[in-house]
Amino acid sequence: MDRIQFYEIIYSIVKEIPVGYVMTYGQIAYLAGEPQYARMVGWAMFHAPKEWYLPCHRVVNSQGRLVPGWQEQKALLEKEGVTLKANGCVNMKLHQWQPADHE
């Protein structure tokens, strides 16, 4: 699979993340069939076409950390009811989405 095909799969997964939930880069890579490509998921999010209005803010790292330097991410998640712990990370126990239809 080439990079463009992989990005398209990633975008289709991200598009499904419901309001109030998050997924990790690694989780998305796994669902896309390339579990070792978590960093490539990050690149895909960075290059996501703005006009597609993908909920990129719902993608976090495995500890629930937000994207460094992207101040809007926290506000967008909180607006959707996502709770953050004292360390600024998403409460993954409450908000990590496990899509049953991709298992």
Protein backbone atom coordinates (compact mmCIF):
# COMPACT_ATOMS: atom_id res chain seq x y z
CA MET A 1 0.00 0.00 0.00
CA ASP A 2 1.37 3.42 -0.87
CA ARG A 3 1.34 6.51 1.32
CA ILE A 4 -1.74 8.05 -0.31
CA GLN A 5 -3.77 4.86 0.18
CA PHE A 6 -2.61 4.66 3.80
CA TYR A 7 -3.59 8.29 4.41
CA GLU A 8 -7.05 7.66 2.93
CA ILE A 9 -7.58 4.73 5.31
CA ILE A 10 -6.39 6.85 8.24
CA TYR A 11 -8.75 9.68 7.30
CA SER A 12 -11.70 7.28 7.03
CA ILE A 13 -10.97 5.99 10.55
CA VAL A 14 -10.50 9.48 12.04
CA LYS A 15 -13.74 10.65 10.45
CA GLU A 16 -15.60 8.02 12.51
CA ILE A 17 -14.31 9.08 15.95
CA PRO A 18 -17.41 10.26 17.81
CA VAL A 19 -17.74 13.53 19.66
CA GLY A 20 -16.38 13.18 23.19
CA TYR A 21 -13.88 10.44 22.33
CA VAL A 22 -10.27 10.16 21.18
CA MET A 23 -8.08 7.56 19.52
CA THR A 24 -4.31 7.15 19.61
CA TYR A 25 -1.91 7.30 16.70
CA GLY A 26 -0.96 3.68 17.34
CA GLN A 27 -4.55 2.54 17.56
CA ILE A 28 -5.32 4.15 14.19
CA ALA A 29 -2.19 2.64 12.62
CA TYR A 30 -3.25 -0.79 13.90
CA LEU A 31 -6.77 -0.42 12.51
CA ALA A 32 -5.28 0.70 9.19
CA GLY A 33 -3.31 -2.54 9.02
CA GLU A 34 0.12 -1.04 9.73
CA PRO A 35 0.62 -1.19 13.53
CA GLN A 36 4.23 0.02 13.33
CA TYR A 37 3.28 3.24 11.50
CA ALA A 38 1.97 5.40 14.36
CA ARG A 39 4.27 8.27 13.36
CA MET A 40 2.93 8.15 9.83
CA VAL A 41 -0.55 8.65 11.30
CA GLY A 42 0.81 11.84 12.84
CA TRP A 43 2.06 13.00 9.46
CA ALA A 44 -1.30 12.19 7.92
CA MET A 45 -3.02 14.35 10.55
CA PHE A 46 -0.59 17.19 9.88
CA HIS A 47 -1.28 16.99 6.14
CA ALA A 48 -5.05 16.44 6.37
CA PRO A 49 -6.88 18.67 3.90
CA LYS A 50 -8.50 21.48 5.91
CA GLU A 51 -11.57 21.46 3.66
CA TRP A 52 -12.38 17.88 4.78
CA TYR A 53 -13.01 19.12 8.35
CA LEU A 54 -11.62 15.93 9.89
CA PRO A 55 -11.73 15.79 13.70
CA CYS A 56 -7.92 15.66 13.94
CA HIS A 57 -8.14 17.12 17.45
CA ARG A 58 -9.50 13.73 18.57
CA VAL A 59 -6.17 12.00 17.90
CA VAL A 60 -3.69 11.89 20.80
CA ASN A 61 -0.65 9.86 21.79
CA SER A 62 -0.87 6.64 23.80
CA GLN A 63 -0.70 8.48 27.13
CA GLY A 64 -3.41 10.93 26.06
CA ARG A 65 -0.96 13.78 25.50
CA LEU A 66 -2.06 16.57 23.19
CA VAL A 67 -0.12 17.87 20.20
CA PRO A 68 2.64 20.24 21.38
CA GLY A 69 2.08 23.78 20.14
CA TRP A 70 -1.53 23.22 19.04
CA GLN A 71 -3.33 25.32 21.63
CA GLU A 72 -6.77 24.89 20.05
CA GLN A 73 -6.78 21.10 20.57
CA LYS A 74 -7.44 21.36 24.30
CA ALA A 75 -10.32 23.81 23.84
CA LEU A 76 -11.88 21.71 21.07
CA LEU A 77 -11.75 18.54 23.19
CA GLU A 78 -13.07 20.25 26.31
CA LYS A 79 -15.93 21.75 24.27
CA GLU A 80 -16.88 18.16 23.36
CA GLY A 81 -16.85 17.06 27.01
CA VAL A 82 -13.47 15.32 26.98
CA THR A 83 -11.91 15.55 30.44
CA LEU A 84 -8.24 16.11 31.03
CA LYS A 85 -6.25 14.90 34.02
CA ALA A 86 -4.18 17.25 36.20
CA ASN A 87 -1.15 16.62 33.97
CA GLY A 88 -3.03 17.90 30.90
CA CYS A 89 -3.52 14.47 29.32
CA VAL A 90 -6.87 13.11 28.19
CA ASN A 91 -8.48 10.73 30.65
CA MET A 92 -8.09 7.71 28.36
CA LYS A 93 -10.12 5.40 30.59
CA LEU A 94 -13.17 7.57 29.99
CA HIS A 95 -12.61 8.84 26.46
CA GLN A 96 -10.65 6.33 24.36
CA TRP A 97 -12.88 5.07 21.59
CA GLN A 98 -12.81 1.36 20.75
CA PRO A 99 -14.64 0.94 17.44
CA ALA A 100 -16.30 -2.48 17.47
CA ASP A 101 -16.81 -2.46 13.71
CA HIS A 102 -13.03 -2.51 13.03
CA GLU A 103 -12.18 -5.56 15.12
